[in-house]
PDB file of N, CA and C in Angstrom:
ATOM      1  N   MET A   1      88.243 -49.775 -26.837  1.00  0.00           N
ATOM      2  CA  MET A   1      87.303 -48.680 -26.822  1.00  0.00           C
ATOM      3  C   MET A   1      85.884 -49.163 -27.104  1.00  0.00           C
ATOM      4  N   ALA A   2      85.751 -50.111 -28.044  1.00  0.00           N
ATOM      5  CA  ALA A   2      84.426 -50.615 -28.378  1.00  0.00           C
ATOM      6  C   ALA A   2      83.824 -51.369 -27.205  1.00  0.00           C
ATOM      7  N   LYS A   3      84.674 -52.016 -26.429  1.00  0.00           N
ATOM      8  CA  LYS A   3      84.175 -52.771 -25.279  1.00  0.00           C
ATOM      9  C   LYS A   3      83.612 -51.834 -24.207  1.00  0.00           C
ATOM     10  N   SER A   4      84.233 -50.694 -23.995  1.00  0.00           N
ATOM     11  CA  SER A   4      83.739 -49.759 -22.987  1.00  0.00           C
ATOM     12  C   SER A   4      82.410 -49.130 -23.413  1.00  0.00           C
ATOM     13  N   ILE A   5      82.224 -48.896 -24.710  1.00  0.00           N
ATOM     14  CA  ILE A   5      80.961 -48.339 -25.202  1.00  0.00           C
ATOM     15  C   ILE A   5      79.836 -49.350 -25.016  1.00  0.00           C
ATOM     16  N   VAL A   6      80.108 -50.630 -25.267  1.00  0.00           N
ATOM     17  CA  VAL A   6      79.103 -51.681 -25.093  1.00  0.00           C
ATOM     18  C   VAL A   6      78.732 -51.814 -23.620  1.00  0.00           C
ATOM     19  N   SER A   7      79.705 -51.802 -22.738  1.00  0.00           N
ATOM     20  CA  SER A   7      79.396 -51.924 -21.314  1.00  0.00           C
ATOM     21  C   SER A   7      78.650 -50.688 -20.804  1.00  0.00           C
ATOM     22  N   TYR A   8      78.997 -49.509 -21.326  1.00  0.00           N
ATOM     23  CA  TYR A   8      78.300 -48.277 -20.948  1.00  0.00           C
ATOM     24  C   TYR A   8      76.845 -48.336 -21.412  1.00  0.00           C
ATOM     25  N   THR A   9      76.612 -48.794 -22.634  1.00  0.00           N
ATOM     26  CA  THR A   9      75.259 -48.914 -23.175  1.00  0.00           C
ATOM     27  C   THR A   9      74.454 -49.944 -22.387  1.00  0.00           C
ATOM     28  N   THR A  10      75.086 -51.046 -22.028  1.00  0.00           N
ATOM     29  CA  THR A  10      74.417 -52.070 -21.225  1.00  0.00           C
ATOM     30  C   THR A  10      74.032 -51.514 -19.862  1.00  0.00           C
ATOM     31  N   PHE A  11      74.950 -50.778 -19.254  1.00  0.00           N
ATOM     32  CA  PHE A  11      74.663 -50.173 -17.951  1.00  0.00           C
ATOM     33  C   PHE A  11      73.474 -49.223 -18.046  1.00  0.00           C
ATOM     34  N   LEU A  12      73.439 -48.374 -19.057  1.00  0.00           N
ATOM     35  CA  LEU A  12      72.326 -47.432 -19.219  1.00  0.00           C
ATOM     36  C   LEU A  12      70.999 -48.160 -19.445  1.00  0.00           C
ATOM     37  N   ALA A  13      71.021 -49.227 -20.246  1.00  0.00           N
ATOM     38  CA  ALA A  13      69.799 -49.983 -20.508  1.00  0.00           C
ATOM     39  C   ALA A  13      69.276 -50.620 -19.224  1.00  0.00           C
ATOM     40  N   LEU A  14      70.173 -51.210 -18.433  1.00  0.00           N
ATOM     41  CA  LEU A  14      69.751 -51.819 -17.163  1.00  0.00           C
ATOM     42  C   LEU A  14      69.252 -50.771 -16.179  1.00  0.00           C
ATOM     43  N   PHE A  15      69.904 -49.627 -16.168  1.00  0.00           N
ATOM     44  CA  PHE A  15      69.477 -48.551 -15.262  1.00  0.00           C
ATOM     45  C   PHE A  15      68.080 -48.043 -15.637  1.00  0.00           C
ATOM     46  N   LEU A  16      67.810 -47.881 -16.924  1.00  0.00           N
ATOM     47  CA  LEU A  16      66.475 -47.456 -17.367  1.00  0.00           C
ATOM     48  C   LEU A  16      65.413 -48.502 -17.030  1.00  0.00           C
ATOM     49  N   CYS A  17      65.767 -49.782 -17.183  1.00  0.00           N
ATOM     50  CA  CYS A  17      64.822 -50.845 -16.792  1.00  0.00           C
ATOM     51  C   CYS A  17      64.523 -50.777 -15.296  1.00  0.00           C
ATOM     52  N   PHE A  18      65.538 -50.544 -14.510  1.00  0.00           N
ATOM     53  CA  PHE A  18      65.343 -50.421 -13.063  1.00  0.00           C
ATOM     54  C   PHE A  18      64.411 -49.260 -12.727  1.00  0.00           C
ATOM     55  N   LEU A  19      64.611 -48.126 -13.392  1.00  0.00           N
ATOM     56  CA  LEU A  19      63.745 -46.967 -13.135  1.00  0.00           C
ATOM     57  C   LEU A  19      62.296 -47.257 -13.523  1.00  0.00           C
ATOM     58  N   LEU A  20      62.082 -47.936 -14.632  1.00  0.00           N
ATOM     59  CA  LEU A  20      60.715 -48.271 -15.051  1.00  0.00           C
ATOM     60  C   LEU A  20      60.045 -49.222 -14.074  1.00  0.00           C
ATOM     61  N   ILE A  21      60.763 -50.205 -13.610  1.00  0.00           N
ATOM     62  CA  ILE A  21      60.196 -51.172 -12.665  1.00  0.00           C
ATOM     63  C   ILE A  21      59.893 -50.507 -11.332  1.00  0.00           C
ATOM     64  N   SER A  22      60.789 -49.666 -10.855  1.00  0.00           N
ATOM     65  CA  SER A  22      60.568 -49.025  -9.561  1.00  0.00           C
ATOM     66  C   SER A  22      59.410 -48.027  -9.620  1.00  0.00           C
ATOM     67  N   SER A  23      59.205 -47.351 -10.756  1.00  0.00           N
ATOM     68  CA  SER A  23      58.084 -46.413 -10.855  1.00  0.00           C
ATOM     69  C   SER A  23      56.752 -47.159 -10.876  1.00  0.00           C
ATOM     70  N   ASN A  24      56.704 -48.359 -11.441  1.00  0.00           N
ATOM     71  CA  ASN A  24      55.468 -49.152 -11.450  1.00  0.00           C
ATOM     72  C   ASN A  24      55.129 -49.638 -10.052  1.00  0.00           C
ATOM     73  N   GLU A  25      56.110 -49.963  -9.253  1.00  0.00           N
ATOM     74  CA  GLU A  25      55.845 -50.419  -7.893  1.00  0.00           C
ATOM     75  C   GLU A  25      55.339 -49.291  -7.015  1.00  0.00           C
ATOM     76  N   MET A  26      55.726 -48.071  -7.281  1.00  0.00           N
ATOM     77  CA  MET A  26      55.243 -46.935  -6.513  1.00  0.00           C
ATOM     78  C   MET A  26      53.735 -46.768  -6.703  1.00  0.00           C
ATOM     79  N   GLN A  27      53.241 -47.011  -7.897  1.00  0.00           N
ATOM     80  CA  GLN A  27      51.818 -46.868  -8.161  1.00  0.00           C
ATOM     81  C   GLN A  27      51.018 -47.956  -7.460  1.00  0.00           C
ATOM     82  N   GLY A  28      51.615 -49.066  -7.132  1.00  0.00           N
ATOM     83  CA  GLY A  28      50.915 -50.149  -6.459  1.00  0.00           C
ATOM     84  C   GLY A  28      50.541 -49.816  -5.027  1.00  0.00           C
ATOM     85  N   ALA A  29      51.102 -48.764  -4.459  1.00  0.00           N
ATOM     86  CA  ALA A  29      50.798 -48.379  -3.086  1.00  0.00           C
ATOM     87  C   ALA A  29      49.488 -47.604  -2.984  1.00  0.00           C
ATOM     88  N   GLU A  30      48.774 -47.438  -4.072  1.00  0.00           N
ATOM     89  CA  GLU A  30      47.529 -46.678  -4.051  1.00  0.00           C
ATOM     90  C   GLU A  30      46.351 -47.480  -3.502  1.00  0.00           C
ATOM     91  N   GLY A  31      46.556 -48.684  -3.062  1.00  0.00           N
ATOM     92  CA  GLY A  31      45.488 -49.508  -2.543  1.00  0.00           C
ATOM     93  C   GLY A  31      45.150 -49.203  -1.095  1.00  0.00           C
ATOM     94  N   LYS A  32      45.648 -48.122  -0.539  1.00  0.00           N
ATOM     95  CA  LYS A  32      45.370 -47.756   0.845  1.00  0.00           C
ATOM     96  C   LYS A  32      43.919 -47.305   0.988  1.00  0.00           C
ATOM     97  N   THR A  33      43.406 -47.409   2.197  1.00  0.00           N
ATOM     98  CA  THR A  33      42.049 -46.939   2.459  1.00  0.00           C
ATOM     99  C   THR A  33      42.100 -45.740   3.392  1.00  0.00           C
ATOM    100  N   CYS A  34      41.191 -44.825   3.173  1.00  0.00           N
ATOM    101  CA  CYS A  34      41.063 -43.631   4.015  1.00  0.00           C
ATOM    102  C   CYS A  34      39.730 -43.694   4.757  1.00  0.00           C
ATOM    103  N   ARG A  35      39.714 -43.173   5.950  1.00  0.00           N
ATOM    104  CA  ARG A  35      38.513 -43.195   6.781  1.00  0.00           C
ATOM    105  C   ARG A  35      38.063 -41.766   7.050  1.00  0.00           C
ATOM    106  N   TRP A  36      36.751 -41.548   7.052  1.00  0.00           N
ATOM    107  CA  TRP A  36      36.184 -40.261   7.428  1.00  0.00           C
ATOM    108  C   TRP A  36      34.865 -40.479   8.137  1.00  0.00           C
ATOM    109  N   ARG A  37      34.478 -39.498   8.924  1.00  0.00           N
ATOM    110  CA  ARG A  37      33.210 -39.582   9.645  1.00  0.00           C
ATOM    111  C   ARG A  37      32.079 -39.172   8.716  1.00  0.00           C
ATOM    112  N   SER A  38      31.011 -39.930   8.729  1.00  0.00           N
ATOM    113  CA  SER A  38      29.894 -39.695   7.827  1.00  0.00           C
ATOM    114  C   SER A  38      29.199 -38.376   8.124  1.00  0.00           C
ATOM    115  N   LYS A  39      28.863 -37.657   7.067  1.00  0.00           N
ATOM    116  CA  LYS A  39      28.089 -36.416   7.207  1.00  0.00           C
ATOM    117  C   LYS A  39      26.600 -36.708   7.130  1.00  0.00           C
ATOM    118  N   GLU A  40      26.238 -37.823   6.491  1.00  0.00           N
ATOM    119  CA  GLU A  40      24.841 -38.208   6.351  1.00  0.00           C
ATOM    120  C   GLU A  40      24.274 -38.760   7.660  1.00  0.00           C
ATOM    121  N   TYR A  41      25.090 -39.450   8.400  1.00  0.00           N
ATOM    122  CA  TYR A  41      24.637 -40.131   9.617  1.00  0.00           C
ATOM    123  C   TYR A  41      25.368 -39.505  10.799  1.00  0.00           C
ATOM    124  N   ARG A  42      24.923 -38.327  11.230  1.00  0.00           N
ATOM    125  CA  ARG A  42      25.624 -37.534  12.226  1.00  0.00           C
ATOM    126  C   ARG A  42      25.279 -37.879  13.672  1.00  0.00           C
ATOM    127  N   THR A  43      24.335 -38.741  13.882  1.00  0.00           N
ATOM    128  CA  THR A  43      23.934 -39.058  15.245  1.00  0.00           C
ATOM    129  C   THR A  43      25.075 -39.723  16.011  1.00  0.00           C
ATOM    130  N   ARG A  44      25.094 -39.546  17.319  1.00  0.00           N
ATOM    131  CA  ARG A  44      26.131 -40.155  18.160  1.00  0.00           C
ATOM    132  C   ARG A  44      25.753 -41.567  18.582  1.00  0.00           C
ATOM    133  N   PHE A  45      24.619 -42.047  18.103  1.00  0.00           N
ATOM    134  CA  PHE A  45      24.132 -43.349  18.538  1.00  0.00           C
ATOM    135  C   PHE A  45      24.038 -44.312  17.349  1.00  0.00           C
ATOM    136  N   CYS A  46      25.124 -44.521  16.709  1.00  0.00           N
ATOM    137  CA  CYS A  46      25.184 -45.467  15.584  1.00  0.00           C
ATOM    138  C   CYS A  46      25.119 -46.880  16.169  1.00  0.00           C
ATOM    139  N   LEU A  47      24.081 -47.613  15.824  1.00  0.00           N
ATOM    140  CA  LEU A  47      23.901 -48.945  16.398  1.00  0.00           C
ATOM    141  C   LEU A  47      24.204 -50.067  15.422  1.00  0.00           C
ATOM    142  N   MET A  48      23.869 -49.877  14.152  1.00  0.00           N
ATOM    143  CA  MET A  48      24.039 -50.956  13.171  1.00  0.00           C
ATOM    144  C   MET A  48      24.985 -50.525  12.057  1.00  0.00           C
ATOM    145  N   SER A  49      26.014 -51.308  11.844  1.00  0.00           N
ATOM    146  CA  SER A  49      26.990 -50.995  10.798  1.00  0.00           C
ATOM    147  C   SER A  49      26.388 -51.098   9.402  1.00  0.00           C
ATOM    148  N   ASP A  50      25.362 -51.926   9.223  1.00  0.00           N
ATOM    149  CA  ASP A  50      24.701 -52.037   7.917  1.00  0.00           C
ATOM    150  C   ASP A  50      24.043 -50.715   7.531  1.00  0.00           C
ATOM    151  N   THR A  51      23.380 -50.073   8.488  1.00  0.00           N
ATOM    152  CA  THR A  51      22.762 -48.770   8.242  1.00  0.00           C
ATOM    153  C   THR A  51      23.829 -47.735   7.947  1.00  0.00           C
ATOM    154  N   CYS A  52      24.904 -47.805   8.679  1.00  0.00           N
ATOM    155  CA  CYS A  52      26.027 -46.891   8.468  1.00  0.00           C
ATOM    156  C   CYS A  52      26.589 -47.051   7.059  1.00  0.00           C
ATOM    157  N   PHE A  53      26.773 -48.268   6.614  1.00  0.00           N
ATOM    158  CA  PHE A  53      27.304 -48.519   5.274  1.00  0.00           C
ATOM    159  C   PHE A  53      26.361 -47.983   4.203  1.00  0.00           C
ATOM    160  N   THR A  54      25.063 -48.111   4.414  1.00  0.00           N
ATOM    161  CA  THR A  54      24.078 -47.579   3.472  1.00  0.00           C
ATOM    162  C   THR A  54      24.208 -46.064   3.361  1.00  0.00           C
ATOM    163  N   LYS A  55      24.365 -45.400   4.501  1.00  0.00           N
ATOM    164  CA  LYS A  55      24.535 -43.945   4.501  1.00  0.00           C
ATOM    165  C   LYS A  55      25.851 -43.541   3.835  1.00  0.00           C
ATOM    166  N   CYS A  56      26.887 -44.337   4.051  1.00  0.00           N
ATOM    167  CA  CYS A  56      28.173 -44.053   3.408  1.00  0.00           C
ATOM    168  C   CYS A  56      28.052 -44.156   1.895  1.00  0.00           C
ATOM    169  N   LYS A  57      27.317 -45.144   1.412  1.00  0.00           N
ATOM    170  CA  LYS A  57      27.114 -45.313  -0.025  1.00  0.00           C
ATOM    171  C   LYS A  57      26.320 -44.150  -0.607  1.00  0.00           C
ATOM    172  N   GLN A  58      25.374 -43.599   0.166  1.00  0.00           N
ATOM    173  CA  GLN A  58      24.616 -42.443  -0.302  1.00  0.00           C
ATOM    174  C   GLN A  58      25.518 -41.211  -0.376  1.00  0.00           C
ATOM    175  N   GLU A  59      26.396 -41.091   0.597  1.00  0.00           N
ATOM    176  CA  GLU A  59      27.282 -39.933   0.656  1.00  0.00           C
ATOM    177  C   GLU A  59      28.379 -40.002  -0.401  1.00  0.00           C
ATOM    178  N   TYR A  60      28.969 -41.181  -0.553  1.00  0.00           N
ATOM    179  CA  TYR A  60      30.058 -41.384  -1.511  1.00  0.00           C
ATOM    180  C   TYR A  60      29.857 -42.751  -2.152  1.00  0.00           C
ATOM    181  N   PRO A  61      29.384 -42.802  -3.401  1.00  0.00           N
ATOM    182  CA  PRO A  61      29.017 -44.084  -4.024  1.00  0.00           C
ATOM    183  C   PRO A  61      30.138 -45.123  -4.089  1.00  0.00           C
ATOM    184  N   LYS A  62      31.398 -44.697  -4.045  1.00  0.00           N
ATOM    185  CA  LYS A  62      32.509 -45.647  -4.123  1.00  0.00           C
ATOM    186  C   LYS A  62      33.002 -46.091  -2.749  1.00  0.00           C
ATOM    187  N   ALA A  63      32.227 -45.840  -1.714  1.00  0.00           N
ATOM    188  CA  ALA A  63      32.621 -46.282  -0.371  1.00  0.00           C
ATOM    189  C   ALA A  63      32.685 -47.804  -0.339  1.00  0.00           C
ATOM    190  N   ILE A  64      33.685 -48.332   0.362  1.00  0.00           N
ATOM    191  CA  ILE A  64      33.860 -49.785   0.398  1.00  0.00           C
ATOM    192  C   ILE A  64      33.462 -50.381   1.740  1.00  0.00           C
ATOM    193  N   LYS A  65      33.261 -49.529   2.754  1.00  0.00           N
ATOM    194  CA  LYS A  65      32.934 -50.045   4.078  1.00  0.00           C
ATOM    195  C   LYS A  65      32.333 -48.937   4.919  1.00  0.00           C
ATOM    196  N   GLY A  66      31.440 -49.303   5.809  1.00  0.00           N
ATOM    197  CA  GLY A  66      30.880 -48.384   6.784  1.00  0.00           C
ATOM    198  C   GLY A  66      30.747 -49.118   8.107  1.00  0.00           C
ATOM    199  N   GLU A  67      31.162 -48.476   9.192  1.00  0.00           N
ATOM    200  CA  GLU A  67      31.170 -49.170  10.474  1.00  0.00           C
ATOM    201  C   GLU A  67      30.918 -48.191  11.614  1.00  0.00           C
ATOM    202  N   CYS A  68      30.179 -48.647  12.618  1.00  0.00           N
ATOM    203  CA  CYS A  68      29.961 -47.867  13.829  1.00  0.00           C
ATOM    204  C   CYS A  68      31.166 -48.073  14.754  1.00  0.00           C
ATOM    205  N   ILE A  69      31.777 -46.974  15.167  1.00  0.00           N
ATOM    206  CA  ILE A  69      32.966 -47.049  16.017  1.00  0.00           C
ATOM    207  C   ILE A  69      32.730 -46.236  17.278  1.00  0.00           C
ATOM    208  N   ARG A  70      33.057 -46.821  18.417  1.00  0.00           N
ATOM    209  CA  ARG A  70      32.888 -46.165  19.705  1.00  0.00           C
ATOM    210  C   ARG A  70      34.012 -45.165  19.931  1.00  0.00           C
ATOM    211  N   LYS A  71      33.653 -43.929  20.258  1.00  0.00           N
ATOM    212  CA  LYS A  71      34.637 -42.890  20.530  1.00  0.00           C
ATOM    213  C   LYS A  71      34.668 -42.491  21.999  1.00  0.00           C
ATOM    214  N   SER A  72      33.617 -42.728  22.714  1.00  0.00           N
ATOM    215  CA  SER A  72      33.593 -42.494  24.160  1.00  0.00           C
ATOM    216  C   SER A  72      32.633 -43.512  24.762  1.00  0.00           C
ATOM    217  N   THR A  73      32.355 -43.386  26.035  1.00  0.00           N
ATOM    218  CA  THR A  73      31.529 -44.375  26.720  1.00  0.00           C
ATOM    219  C   THR A  73      30.155 -44.522  26.079  1.00  0.00           C
ATOM    220  N   PHE A  74      29.517 -43.412  25.733  1.00  0.00           N
ATOM    221  CA  PHE A  74      28.152 -43.473  25.220  1.00  0.00           C
ATOM    222  C   PHE A  74      28.021 -43.019  23.768  1.00  0.00           C
ATOM    223  N   SER A  75      29.120 -42.761  23.101  1.00  0.00           N
ATOM    224  CA  SER A  75      29.056 -42.247  21.728  1.00  0.00           C
ATOM    225  C   SER A  75      29.643 -43.240  20.747  1.00  0.00           C
ATOM    226  N   ARG A  76      28.856 -43.547  19.710  1.00  0.00           N
ATOM    227  CA  ARG A  76      29.309 -44.391  18.603  1.00  0.00           C
ATOM    228  C   ARG A  76      28.997 -43.640  17.320  1.00  0.00           C
ATOM    229  N   TYR A  77      30.015 -43.389  16.536  1.00  0.00           N
ATOM    230  CA  TYR A  77      29.866 -42.635  15.304  1.00  0.00           C
ATOM    231  C   TYR A  77      30.017 -43.542  14.092  1.00  0.00           C
ATOM    232  N   CYS A  78      29.420 -43.099  12.997  1.00  0.00           N
ATOM    233  CA  CYS A  78      29.506 -43.833  11.736  1.00  0.00           C
ATOM    234  C   CYS A  78      30.735 -43.353  10.969  1.00  0.00           C
ATOM    235  N   TYR A  79      31.633 -44.285  10.656  1.00  0.00           N
ATOM    236  CA  TYR A  79      32.820 -43.988   9.863  1.00  0.00           C
ATOM    237  C   TYR A  79      32.759 -44.761   8.553  1.00  0.00           C
ATOM    238  N   CYS A  80      33.220 -44.106   7.498  1.00  0.00           N
ATOM    239  CA  CYS A  80      33.204 -44.689   6.167  1.00  0.00           C
ATOM    240  C   CYS A  80      34.637 -44.870   5.679  1.00  0.00           C
ATOM    241  N   TRP A  81      34.829 -45.851   4.809  1.00  0.00           N
ATOM    242  CA  TRP A  81      36.133 -46.106   4.203  1.00  0.00           C
ATOM    243  C   TRP A  81      36.013 -46.055   2.702  1.00  0.00           C
ATOM    244  N   ARG A  82      37.073 -45.552   2.057  1.00  0.00           N
ATOM    245  CA  ARG A  82      37.195 -45.537   0.598  1.00  0.00           C
ATOM    246  C   ARG A  82      38.666 -45.715   0.242  1.00  0.00           C
ATOM    247  N   LYS A  83      38.921 -46.049  -1.001  1.00  0.00           N
ATOM    248  CA  LYS A  83      40.302 -46.141  -1.461  1.00  0.00           C
ATOM    249  C   LYS A  83      40.846 -44.747  -1.686  1.00  0.00           C
ATOM    250  N   CYS A  84      42.043 -44.504  -1.195  1.00  0.00           N
ATOM    251  CA  CYS A  84      42.673 -43.176  -1.334  1.00  0.00           C
ATOM    252  C   CYS A  84      43.237 -42.985  -2.723  1.00  0.00           C
TER     253      CYS A  84
END
């Protein structure tokens, strides 16, 4: 009987350790980046990504990237990135 209680306790301890480790790994997925179109730089003629990044920083100070992206033949919009 004492042996079954020890093995049961060991199983519970290992199971709790597994749950703690798996919950910590879930939080590590927060390093994703989200993209949105800039509200500060609304022109369809975004030419320089440096200017776009400056506008992104004004709009959202924690922006990590700003880039001009072509959406049609003659339209290039400013898109900003931040951590989600």
